[in-house]
């Protein structure tokens, strides 16, 4: 009986005590985004976007009140930790990173190396490891203070843009965990989305276009959107993309609905390693292509599409070979499939990668042809006869 009473007391304490680590909203500064850069004098600077809870409903609604849903704290110091501590001293609240959405680096810091900063965040038990990593193509203070009509908080806007890249097959979201895992793989580079400002109707807007290329933790170059598509094809991450095919003076638009890539490690008669990529794609025609199909034939359309996909892959390969950065993870493939051979290749892979041959085989199929508008035009012409 005594044991039952003791157990009841313990359960009462546990159930009635509330959350052990709870903190009141008025005691914390909720960070939505952090930008890290370098000042002219060499000091580290940080722009931390703090949400204003009382204005969230107003600021994000797009209503008549012009109150901001956020405020930016600009701090500088020799170390990132000191920058964040300075925010706490200035606002009188604890810096709370659990809701952080993005970490933005300027190009100077990115070129120096970002491992130490990501490691700092990884060690923070509040920060989520699915936070987006981005590189600023421009001034971080300007980017962190640019809103849109639909999203009044820049950090929320940038996070949404990063998520959207995968949907439109321009690139993929890169998280803190993704970046750190790539560094642990066998000499695999990483492409991180770049955030820029673009003028629209006289007002600056945020947009993501292209990527910064990292070798290890250091930025070594940039690639455009077309070059990122070739990487998506070869790494089996292409989802849906529109491709324009030119036939003399005519154009045909196709929409890739399904794509699959199988990449294998091969060895030629001389014992040299090469790769074989087998790409399959199902497409729908999205323009009135009946006339082209009649004059050129379906096989000619497939051949043109196969060549266009192969060109995208080869363009990306040539660009990455020139940089000497293996963002495809080809070295990691060798390590997993032929570990003994990788011991020989590991020390010289950066140079070997520049000469690595990838055999590309594309097989596409056309699922549909024509368009509603084209069919309507033809029906109208038939009625006039």
Protein backbone atom coordinates (compact mmCIF):
# COMPACT_ATOMS: atom_id res chain seq x y z
CA UNK A 1 0.00 0.00 0.00
CA UNK A 2 2.86 2.38 0.85
CA UNK A 3 4.45 1.63 -2.52
CA UNK A 4 1.21 2.49 -4.31
CA UNK A 5 0.91 5.80 -2.43
CA UNK A 6 4.55 6.67 -3.21
CA UNK A 7 4.03 5.90 -6.89
CA UNK A 8 0.90 8.07 -6.92
CA UNK A 9 2.84 10.97 -5.40
CA UNK A 10 5.63 10.67 -7.97
CA UNK A 11 3.16 10.59 -10.87
CA UNK A 12 1.37 13.65 -9.48
CA UNK A 13 4.62 15.60 -9.35
CA UNK A 14 5.52 14.61 -12.94
CA UNK A 15 2.09 15.41 -14.35
CA UNK A 16 1.55 18.70 -12.54
CA UNK A 17 5.03 20.17 -12.95
CA UNK A 18 4.59 21.34 -16.55
CA UNK A 19 7.41 21.59 -19.10
CA UNK A 20 10.85 21.34 -17.52
CA UNK A 21 12.59 23.64 -19.97
CA UNK A 22 9.74 26.03 -20.73
CA UNK A 23 10.38 29.75 -21.15
CA UNK A 24 7.92 32.58 -21.35
CA UNK A 25 7.45 34.24 -24.75
CA UNK A 26 8.29 37.68 -23.35
CA UNK A 27 11.66 36.36 -22.11
CA UNK A 28 13.00 35.15 -25.46
CA UNK A 29 14.06 36.71 -28.78
CA UNK A 30 12.87 34.30 -31.49
CA UNK A 31 15.34 34.20 -34.37
CA UNK A 32 13.93 33.51 -37.86
CA UNK A 33 17.14 33.93 -39.81
CA UNK A 34 20.85 34.68 -39.40
CA UNK A 35 23.19 36.23 -41.96
CA UNK A 36 26.96 36.10 -41.46
CA UNK A 37 29.41 38.36 -43.23
CA UNK A 38 32.76 40.10 -43.00
CA UNK A 39 33.21 43.86 -42.47
CA UNK A 40 35.85 45.92 -44.26
CA UNK A 41 38.06 45.93 -41.15
CA UNK A 42 37.98 42.12 -41.02
CA UNK A 43 35.57 41.79 -38.11
CA UNK A 44 32.78 39.25 -38.31
CA UNK A 45 29.29 40.67 -38.58
CA UNK A 46 25.88 39.07 -38.15
CA UNK A 47 22.37 40.18 -39.05
CA UNK A 48 19.84 38.38 -36.86
CA UNK A 49 16.18 38.59 -37.78
CA UNK A 50 14.00 38.63 -34.65
CA UNK A 51 10.24 38.20 -34.83
CA UNK A 52 7.97 40.75 -33.16
CA UNK A 53 5.17 38.54 -31.79
CA UNK A 54 2.68 41.38 -31.34
CA UNK A 55 3.00 42.33 -35.03
CA UNK A 56 3.04 38.87 -36.61
CA UNK A 57 -0.64 38.84 -37.50
CA UNK A 58 -0.43 42.37 -38.88
CA UNK A 59 2.88 42.09 -40.69
CA UNK A 60 2.20 38.80 -42.45
CA UNK A 61 -1.39 39.59 -43.42
CA UNK A 62 -0.52 42.24 -45.96
CA UNK A 63 -3.18 44.50 -44.44
CA UNK A 64 -3.20 48.24 -44.04
CA UNK A 65 -0.97 48.48 -40.98
CA UNK A 66 2.66 48.99 -41.93
CA UNK A 67 4.08 47.55 -38.69
CA UNK A 68 6.96 45.16 -39.34
CA UNK A 69 6.65 41.55 -38.25
CA UNK A 70 10.38 41.53 -37.53
CA UNK A 71 13.38 43.59 -36.54
CA UNK A 72 17.00 43.06 -37.57
CA UNK A 73 19.90 43.27 -35.10
CA UNK A 74 23.27 44.05 -36.68
CA UNK A 75 26.20 43.00 -34.49
CA UNK A 76 29.93 42.61 -35.04
CA UNK A 77 32.71 40.89 -33.13
CA UNK A 78 35.63 38.55 -33.56
CA UNK A 79 33.46 35.47 -33.01
CA UNK A 80 29.92 34.40 -33.91
CA UNK A 81 29.06 33.52 -30.32
CA UNK A 82 29.87 37.06 -29.22
CA UNK A 83 27.63 38.46 -31.96
CA UNK A 84 24.67 36.46 -30.68
CA UNK A 85 25.43 37.32 -27.05
CA UNK A 86 25.47 40.98 -27.99
CA UNK A 87 21.87 40.66 -29.22
CA UNK A 88 20.84 39.34 -25.82
CA UNK A 89 22.56 42.24 -24.08
CA UNK A 90 20.88 44.78 -26.34
CA UNK A 91 17.33 43.43 -26.25
CA UNK A 92 17.35 42.01 -22.73
CA UNK A 93 16.12 38.59 -23.85
CA UNK A 94 17.58 35.13 -24.45
CA UNK A 95 18.35 34.41 -28.11
CA UNK A 96 16.11 31.48 -29.15
CA UNK A 97 17.22 29.55 -32.26
CA UNK A 98 14.63 26.78 -32.34
CA UNK A 99 12.57 28.57 -35.03
CA UNK A 100 15.49 29.66 -37.20
CA UNK A 101 14.76 28.98 -40.89
CA UNK A 102 17.87 30.08 -42.79
CA UNK A 103 21.60 30.69 -42.36
CA UNK A 104 22.89 33.11 -44.99
CA UNK A 105 26.61 33.61 -45.72
CA UNK A 106 28.15 36.41 -47.72
CA UNK A 107 30.67 35.41 -50.40
CA UNK A 108 33.70 36.57 -48.42
CA UNK A 109 32.92 34.31 -45.47
CA UNK A 110 31.87 31.50 -47.83
CA UNK A 111 35.25 31.65 -49.58
CA UNK A 112 37.06 31.55 -46.23
CA UNK A 113 35.16 28.46 -45.10
CA UNK A 114 31.87 27.93 -43.24
CA UNK A 115 32.56 24.71 -41.33
CA UNK A 116 33.25 26.42 -38.00
CA UNK A 117 29.99 28.36 -38.16
CA UNK A 118 27.89 25.32 -39.07
CA UNK A 119 29.64 23.33 -36.35
CA UNK A 120 28.73 26.07 -33.86
CA UNK A 121 25.06 25.81 -34.84
CA UNK A 122 25.13 21.99 -34.84
CA UNK A 123 26.29 22.07 -31.22
CA UNK A 124 23.37 24.29 -30.22
CA UNK A 125 20.68 21.99 -28.88
CA UNK A 126 17.93 24.43 -29.93
CA UNK A 127 18.76 24.78 -33.64
CA UNK A 128 17.08 22.37 -36.03
CA UNK A 129 19.45 20.69 -38.47
CA UNK A 130 16.99 21.13 -41.36
CA UNK A 131 17.71 24.88 -41.50
CA UNK A 132 18.45 26.06 -45.07
CA UNK A 133 22.02 27.10 -45.91
CA UNK A 134 22.22 29.95 -48.46
CA UNK A 135 24.83 32.26 -49.98
CA UNK A 136 24.17 35.97 -50.51
CA UNK A 137 24.86 37.48 -53.92
CA UNK A 138 24.84 41.00 -52.56
CA UNK A 139 24.85 42.85 -49.25
CA UNK A 140 23.49 40.68 -46.43
CA UNK A 141 21.91 43.66 -44.63
CA UNK A 142 19.92 44.61 -47.76
CA UNK A 143 18.84 41.04 -48.43
CA UNK A 144 17.74 40.51 -44.82
CA UNK A 145 15.57 43.63 -45.01
CA UNK A 146 13.77 42.98 -48.32
CA UNK A 147 10.12 41.98 -48.05
CA UNK A 148 7.54 40.96 -50.64
CA UNK A 149 3.83 41.60 -51.03
CA UNK A 150 2.98 38.04 -50.00
CA UNK A 151 5.64 37.49 -47.34
CA UNK A 152 6.51 40.33 -45.02
CA UNK A 153 9.35 38.49 -43.30
CA UNK A 154 12.51 38.06 -45.44
CA UNK A 155 13.70 34.89 -43.66
CA UNK A 156 10.34 33.19 -44.23
CA UNK A 157 10.45 34.29 -47.86
CA UNK A 158 13.96 32.89 -48.41
CA UNK A 159 13.05 29.59 -46.76
CA UNK A 160 10.01 29.27 -49.04
CA UNK A 161 12.11 30.06 -52.13
CA UNK A 162 14.66 27.40 -51.14
CA UNK A 163 11.90 24.81 -50.70
CA UNK A 164 10.38 25.75 -54.06
CA UNK A 165 13.62 25.13 -56.00
CA UNK A 166 13.13 21.35 -55.84
CA UNK A 167 9.56 21.63 -57.14
CA UNK A 168 10.64 23.49 -60.29
CA UNK A 169 13.81 21.36 -60.67
CA UNK A 170 16.27 24.26 -60.43
CA UNK A 171 18.11 22.75 -57.47
CA UNK A 172 17.36 21.33 -54.05
CA UNK A 173 17.17 22.68 -50.54
CA UNK A 174 20.54 22.35 -48.78
CA UNK A 175 20.31 22.04 -45.00
CA UNK A 176 22.96 22.27 -42.32
CA UNK A 177 22.85 18.47 -42.05
CA UNK A 178 23.16 18.03 -45.84
CA UNK A 179 26.26 20.23 -45.97
CA UNK A 180 27.97 18.49 -43.05
CA UNK A 181 27.16 15.04 -44.45
CA UNK A 182 28.63 15.99 -47.83
CA UNK A 183 31.84 17.01 -46.11
CA UNK A 184 32.07 13.53 -44.58
CA UNK A 185 31.68 11.82 -47.95
CA UNK A 186 34.61 11.03 -50.20
CA UNK A 187 35.68 14.42 -51.60
CA UNK A 188 32.13 15.39 -52.56
CA UNK A 189 31.46 19.05 -53.29
CA UNK A 190 28.28 20.92 -52.45
CA UNK A 191 26.21 23.41 -54.44
CA UNK A 192 24.39 25.93 -52.22
CA UNK A 193 21.57 28.17 -53.55
CA UNK A 194 22.41 31.85 -54.07
CA UNK A 195 20.01 34.61 -52.94
CA UNK A 196 19.96 37.85 -54.90
CA UNK A 197 17.91 41.01 -55.24
CA UNK A 198 16.01 41.74 -58.45
CA UNK A 199 14.06 44.88 -59.28
CA UNK A 200 10.39 44.40 -60.09
CA UNK A 201 8.13 47.39 -60.76
CA UNK A 202 10.62 49.70 -59.07
CA UNK A 203 10.93 47.56 -55.94
CA UNK A 204 13.59 45.04 -54.93
CA UNK A 205 12.50 41.43 -54.55
CA UNK A 206 14.30 38.34 -53.29
CA UNK A 207 14.98 35.53 -55.71
CA UNK A 208 17.19 32.45 -55.93
CA UNK A 209 19.11 31.90 -59.13
CA UNK A 210 22.04 29.52 -59.50
CA UNK A 211 24.32 28.11 -56.83
CA UNK A 212 27.63 28.68 -55.09
CA UNK A 213 29.94 25.68 -55.45
CA UNK A 214 31.86 24.51 -52.39
CA UNK A 215 34.92 22.30 -52.29
CA UNK A 216 34.99 21.08 -48.73
CA UNK A 217 33.69 24.05 -46.76
CA UNK A 218 35.07 26.77 -49.06
CA UNK A 219 33.24 28.44 -51.94
CA UNK A 220 35.26 28.13 -55.14
CA UNK A 221 32.86 29.21 -57.88
CA UNK A 222 29.29 29.57 -59.11
CA UNK A 223 26.98 27.80 -61.55
CA UNK A 224 23.81 28.94 -63.29
CA UNK A 225 20.37 27.34 -63.37
CA UNK A 226 21.00 25.38 -66.57
CA UNK A 227 24.14 23.87 -65.08
CA UNK A 228 22.30 22.81 -61.92
CA UNK A 229 19.76 20.90 -64.06
CA UNK A 230 22.50 18.69 -65.47
CA UNK A 231 23.58 17.81 -61.93
CA UNK A 232 19.99 16.90 -61.03
CA UNK A 233 19.78 14.58 -64.04
CA UNK A 234 23.00 12.74 -63.22
CA UNK A 235 22.29 12.41 -59.49
CA UNK A 236 18.74 11.07 -60.03
CA UNK A 237 17.08 14.10 -58.45
CA UNK A 238 15.27 15.52 -61.47
CA UNK A 239 11.54 15.73 -60.85
CA UNK A 240 9.75 17.89 -63.42
CA UNK A 241 11.18 20.34 -65.91
CA UNK A 242 10.18 22.02 -69.18
CA UNK A 243 12.52 21.69 -72.16
CA UNK A 244 12.25 23.61 -75.44
CA UNK A 245 13.27 21.71 -78.58
CA UNK A 246 14.13 23.58 -81.77
CA UNK A 247 13.31 22.20 -85.23
CA UNK A 248 14.48 24.69 -87.85
CA UNK A 249 12.17 27.69 -87.36
CA UNK A 250 9.76 25.87 -85.05
CA UNK A 251 9.88 25.09 -81.33
CA UNK A 252 8.32 22.31 -79.32
CA UNK A 253 7.88 22.42 -75.56
CA UNK A 254 7.95 19.23 -73.50
CA UNK A 255 7.30 18.71 -69.81
CA UNK A 256 9.26 15.92 -68.10
CA UNK A 257 6.82 14.12 -65.81
CA UNK A 258 9.03 11.25 -64.69
CA UNK A 259 12.79 10.81 -64.69
CA UNK A 260 15.09 8.07 -63.49
CA UNK A 261 18.88 7.80 -63.61
CA UNK A 262 20.96 4.71 -62.91
CA UNK A 263 24.66 5.44 -62.48
CA UNK A 264 27.16 2.60 -62.46
CA UNK A 265 30.93 2.38 -62.01
CA UNK A 266 32.60 0.61 -64.95
CA UNK A 267 36.13 -0.49 -65.83
CA UNK A 268 37.54 -0.53 -69.38
CA UNK A 269 39.99 -3.02 -70.90
CA UNK A 270 42.92 -0.96 -69.60
CA UNK A 271 41.65 -1.03 -66.05
CA UNK A 272 40.59 2.64 -66.11
CA UNK A 273 37.43 3.64 -64.27
CA UNK A 274 34.56 5.35 -66.04
CA UNK A 275 30.87 5.84 -65.32
CA UNK A 276 27.76 4.84 -67.24
CA UNK A 277 24.58 6.86 -66.77
CA UNK A 278 21.29 5.44 -68.06
CA UNK A 279 18.62 8.15 -68.01
CA UNK A 280 14.96 7.47 -68.75
CA UNK A 281 12.31 10.17 -69.04
CA UNK A 282 8.58 10.27 -69.74
CA UNK A 283 7.44 13.55 -71.27
CA UNK A 284 4.21 15.29 -72.22
CA UNK A 285 4.16 17.72 -75.12
CA UNK A 286 2.97 21.12 -73.95
CA UNK A 287 2.79 22.96 -77.26
CA UNK A 288 0.75 22.36 -80.42
CA UNK A 289 3.30 19.96 -81.88
CA UNK A 290 1.14 18.03 -84.37
CA UNK A 291 2.70 19.69 -87.39
CA UNK A 292 6.22 18.94 -86.17
CA UNK A 293 5.31 15.34 -85.42
CA UNK A 294 3.90 14.95 -88.92
CA UNK A 295 6.89 16.45 -90.68
CA UNK A 296 9.69 15.16 -88.44
CA UNK A 297 8.21 12.02 -86.92
CA UNK A 298 8.00 10.84 -83.33
CA UNK A 299 11.42 9.15 -83.43
CA UNK A 300 13.04 12.42 -84.49
CA UNK A 301 11.38 14.19 -81.55
CA UNK A 302 12.69 11.54 -79.14
CA UNK A 303 16.18 11.80 -80.62
CA UNK A 304 16.15 15.58 -80.25
CA UNK A 305 14.96 15.31 -76.64
CA UNK A 306 17.56 12.66 -75.79
CA UNK A 307 20.29 14.89 -77.19
CA UNK A 308 19.00 17.91 -75.23
CA UNK A 309 19.08 16.01 -71.92
CA UNK A 310 22.56 14.63 -72.65
CA UNK A 311 23.75 18.17 -73.49
CA UNK A 312 22.51 19.44 -70.11
CA UNK A 313 24.43 16.70 -68.30
CA UNK A 314 27.61 17.23 -70.34
CA UNK A 315 27.45 21.00 -69.79
CA UNK A 316 27.36 20.44 -66.03
CA UNK A 317 30.15 17.87 -66.18
CA UNK A 318 32.39 20.21 -68.18
CA UNK A 319 31.77 23.05 -65.74
CA UNK A 320 32.50 20.92 -62.68
CA UNK A 321 35.58 19.36 -64.28
CA UNK A 322 36.92 22.85 -64.93
CA UNK A 323 36.47 23.69 -61.23
CA UNK A 324 37.77 20.31 -60.12
CA UNK A 325 34.80 19.84 -57.78
CA UNK A 326 32.88 16.57 -57.72
CA UNK A 327 29.36 17.71 -56.79
CA UNK A 328 27.97 14.52 -58.38
CA UNK A 329 29.48 12.25 -55.74
CA UNK A 330 31.33 10.12 -58.32
CA UNK A 331 34.25 9.58 -55.95
CA UNK A 332 31.83 8.41 -53.29
CA UNK A 333 30.43 5.89 -55.81
CA UNK A 334 33.90 4.43 -56.33
CA UNK A 335 34.48 4.32 -52.58
CA UNK A 336 31.28 2.31 -52.06
CA UNK A 337 31.49 0.02 -55.12
CA UNK A 338 35.27 -0.47 -55.34
CA UNK A 339 36.76 0.39 -51.92
CA UNK A 340 40.17 -1.14 -52.65
CA UNK A 341 40.55 0.92 -55.81
CA UNK A 342 39.48 4.07 -53.95
CA UNK A 343 42.52 3.79 -51.70
CA UNK A 344 44.60 4.33 -54.84
CA UNK A 345 42.39 7.15 -56.15
CA UNK A 346 41.68 9.07 -52.92
CA UNK A 347 44.85 11.16 -52.87
CA UNK A 348 44.55 12.29 -56.49
CA UNK A 349 40.78 12.30 -57.05
CA UNK A 350 40.52 16.06 -57.63
CA UNK A 351 42.81 15.73 -60.66
CA UNK A 352 41.38 12.38 -61.78
CA UNK A 353 37.87 13.81 -61.67
CA UNK A 354 38.82 16.44 -64.25
CA UNK A 355 39.51 13.62 -66.72
CA UNK A 356 36.76 11.21 -65.68
CA UNK A 357 34.58 9.99 -68.56
CA UNK A 358 30.83 9.55 -68.13
CA UNK A 359 28.97 7.62 -70.82
CA UNK A 360 25.44 8.99 -71.11
CA UNK A 361 22.54 7.00 -72.54
CA UNK A 362 19.11 8.66 -72.65
CA UNK A 363 15.84 6.91 -73.45
CA UNK A 364 12.74 9.12 -73.54
CA UNK A 365 9.12 8.37 -74.32
CA UNK A 366 6.40 10.74 -75.47
CA UNK A 367 3.22 10.15 -73.50
CA UNK A 368 0.94 12.73 -75.10
CA UNK A 369 0.98 15.19 -77.98
CA UNK A 370 -0.85 18.31 -78.96
CA UNK A 371 -2.66 20.87 -76.83
CA UNK A 372 -6.17 22.04 -76.13
CA UNK A 373 -5.53 25.30 -77.96
CA UNK A 374 -4.12 23.47 -80.98
CA UNK A 375 -7.07 21.11 -81.17
CA UNK A 376 -9.49 24.03 -80.89
CA UNK A 377 -7.74 25.90 -83.73
CA UNK A 378 -7.88 22.87 -85.98
CA UNK A 379 -11.53 22.29 -85.19
CA UNK A 380 -12.26 25.91 -86.09
CA UNK A 381 -10.38 25.58 -89.39
CA UNK A 382 -12.35 22.44 -90.24
CA UNK A 383 -15.67 24.22 -89.59
CA UNK A 384 -14.71 27.00 -91.98
CA UNK A 385 -14.18 24.59 -94.87
